[in-house]
Protein backbone atom coordinates (compact mmCIF):
# COMPACT_ATOMS: atom_id res chain seq x y z
CA UNK A 1 -36.49 -101.56 -25.90
CA UNK A 2 -34.05 -103.38 -28.26
CA UNK A 3 -35.06 -103.95 -31.89
CA UNK A 4 -33.59 -104.52 -35.30
CA UNK A 5 -33.37 -101.72 -37.89
CA UNK A 6 -34.02 -102.10 -41.64
CA UNK A 7 -30.36 -103.35 -42.29
CA UNK A 8 -30.12 -105.50 -39.13
CA UNK A 9 -28.60 -102.96 -37.34
CA UNK A 10 -29.47 -102.88 -33.46
CA UNK A 11 -31.93 -100.12 -32.49
CA UNK A 12 -32.44 -99.04 -28.95
CA UNK A 13 -35.65 -97.31 -28.56
CA UNK A 14 -36.19 -95.06 -25.47
CA UNK A 15 -39.57 -93.73 -23.94
CA UNK A 16 -39.47 -90.75 -21.56
CA UNK A 17 -41.94 -88.52 -19.65
CA UNK A 18 -41.99 -85.15 -18.80
CA UNK A 19 -43.96 -84.61 -15.71
CA UNK A 20 -42.76 -81.91 -13.31
CA UNK A 21 -43.81 -78.46 -13.74
CA UNK A 22 -40.30 -77.03 -14.23
CA UNK A 23 -39.26 -79.64 -16.51
CA UNK A 24 -42.33 -79.24 -18.66
CA UNK A 25 -41.81 -75.40 -18.90
CA UNK A 26 -38.04 -75.82 -19.54
CA UNK A 27 -39.18 -78.11 -22.30
CA UNK A 28 -41.82 -75.49 -23.68
CA UNK A 29 -39.00 -72.59 -23.58
CA UNK A 30 -36.62 -74.93 -25.69
CA UNK A 31 -39.63 -75.57 -28.13
CA UNK A 32 -40.34 -71.75 -28.19
CA UNK A 33 -36.87 -71.34 -29.66
CA UNK A 34 -37.81 -73.16 -32.96
CA UNK A 35 -39.39 -70.88 -35.64
CA UNK A 36 -42.98 -70.94 -35.14
CA UNK A 37 -43.43 -71.79 -38.53
CA UNK A 38 -42.18 -74.93 -38.13
CA UNK A 39 -44.52 -75.87 -35.58
CA UNK A 40 -47.61 -74.22 -37.14
CA UNK A 41 -46.96 -75.56 -40.66
CA UNK A 42 -49.74 -78.44 -41.49
CA UNK A 43 -50.47 -78.16 -37.60
CA UNK A 44 -54.11 -80.18 -38.25
CA UNK A 45 -51.64 -83.29 -39.59
CA UNK A 46 -49.49 -82.98 -36.42
CA UNK A 47 -52.51 -83.20 -34.06
CA UNK A 48 -55.03 -86.00 -33.44
CA UNK A 49 -58.64 -85.72 -32.08
CA UNK A 50 -57.61 -85.82 -28.97
CA UNK A 51 -55.23 -82.59 -28.79
CA UNK A 52 -52.04 -84.50 -28.72
CA UNK A 53 -49.47 -82.92 -30.74
CA UNK A 54 -46.93 -85.12 -32.57
CA UNK A 55 -43.58 -83.54 -33.71
CA UNK A 56 -40.51 -85.27 -35.10
CA UNK A 57 -36.71 -83.77 -34.65
CA UNK A 58 -33.69 -84.65 -36.73
CA UNK A 59 -31.81 -87.18 -34.73
CA UNK A 60 -28.29 -86.14 -35.84
CA UNK A 61 -29.08 -82.38 -35.24
CA UNK A 62 -30.92 -83.30 -31.72
CA UNK A 63 -27.27 -85.08 -30.69
CA UNK A 64 -25.62 -81.76 -31.15
CA UNK A 65 -28.27 -79.44 -29.33
CA UNK A 66 -30.02 -78.23 -32.25
CA UNK A 67 -33.98 -79.03 -32.43
CA UNK A 68 -35.00 -78.78 -36.10
CA UNK A 69 -38.46 -80.27 -37.05
CA UNK A 70 -38.49 -82.86 -40.03
CA UNK A 71 -40.96 -85.01 -41.83
CA UNK A 72 -38.59 -88.25 -42.39
CA UNK A 73 -37.90 -91.21 -40.68
CA UNK A 74 -34.30 -90.97 -38.81
CA UNK A 75 -35.96 -88.83 -36.16
CA UNK A 76 -36.92 -88.33 -32.51
CA UNK A 77 -40.75 -88.55 -32.09
CA UNK A 78 -42.35 -86.59 -29.61
CA UNK A 79 -46.04 -86.62 -28.57
CA UNK A 80 -47.09 -83.59 -26.48
CA UNK A 81 -50.33 -83.69 -24.62
CA UNK A 82 -51.62 -80.39 -25.01
CA UNK A 83 -53.73 -79.24 -21.45
CA UNK A 84 -56.83 -77.86 -23.55
CA UNK A 85 -60.41 -78.22 -21.97
CA UNK A 86 -62.08 -79.81 -23.05
CA UNK A 87 -60.00 -82.24 -24.81
CA UNK A 88 -60.49 -81.53 -28.35
CA UNK A 89 -58.50 -81.24 -31.34
CA UNK A 90 -60.11 -77.68 -32.02
CA UNK A 91 -59.03 -76.53 -28.49
CA UNK A 92 -55.59 -77.84 -28.66
CA UNK A 93 -55.09 -76.15 -32.13
CA UNK A 94 -56.02 -73.05 -30.49
CA UNK A 95 -53.69 -73.33 -27.45
CA UNK A 96 -50.82 -74.13 -29.91
CA UNK A 97 -51.45 -70.96 -32.13
CA UNK A 98 -51.58 -69.02 -28.78
CA UNK A 99 -48.07 -70.46 -27.55
CA UNK A 100 -46.41 -69.91 -31.03
CA UNK A 101 -48.53 -67.77 -32.81
């Protein structure tokens, strides 16, 4: 999807979905390399009522192979659907704490 940035610069928005078990496991292993405090800090705000975890990664650092969680706009937005049943925020938070705690 193409759009314009704040300064009328061209912006390309990419959407992707990881569904294969192996790819999901590889992605989780990559995320586990991030210090857990970066994920667990303010976890309540990073998760919605359905148990989706929202993270932002510094775009420039990600292009260099370094995933660094940020709170600013120039970032890669990632939505992670936590497999918590029933799908509630409290259950998903518990699962995230087990994975990264």
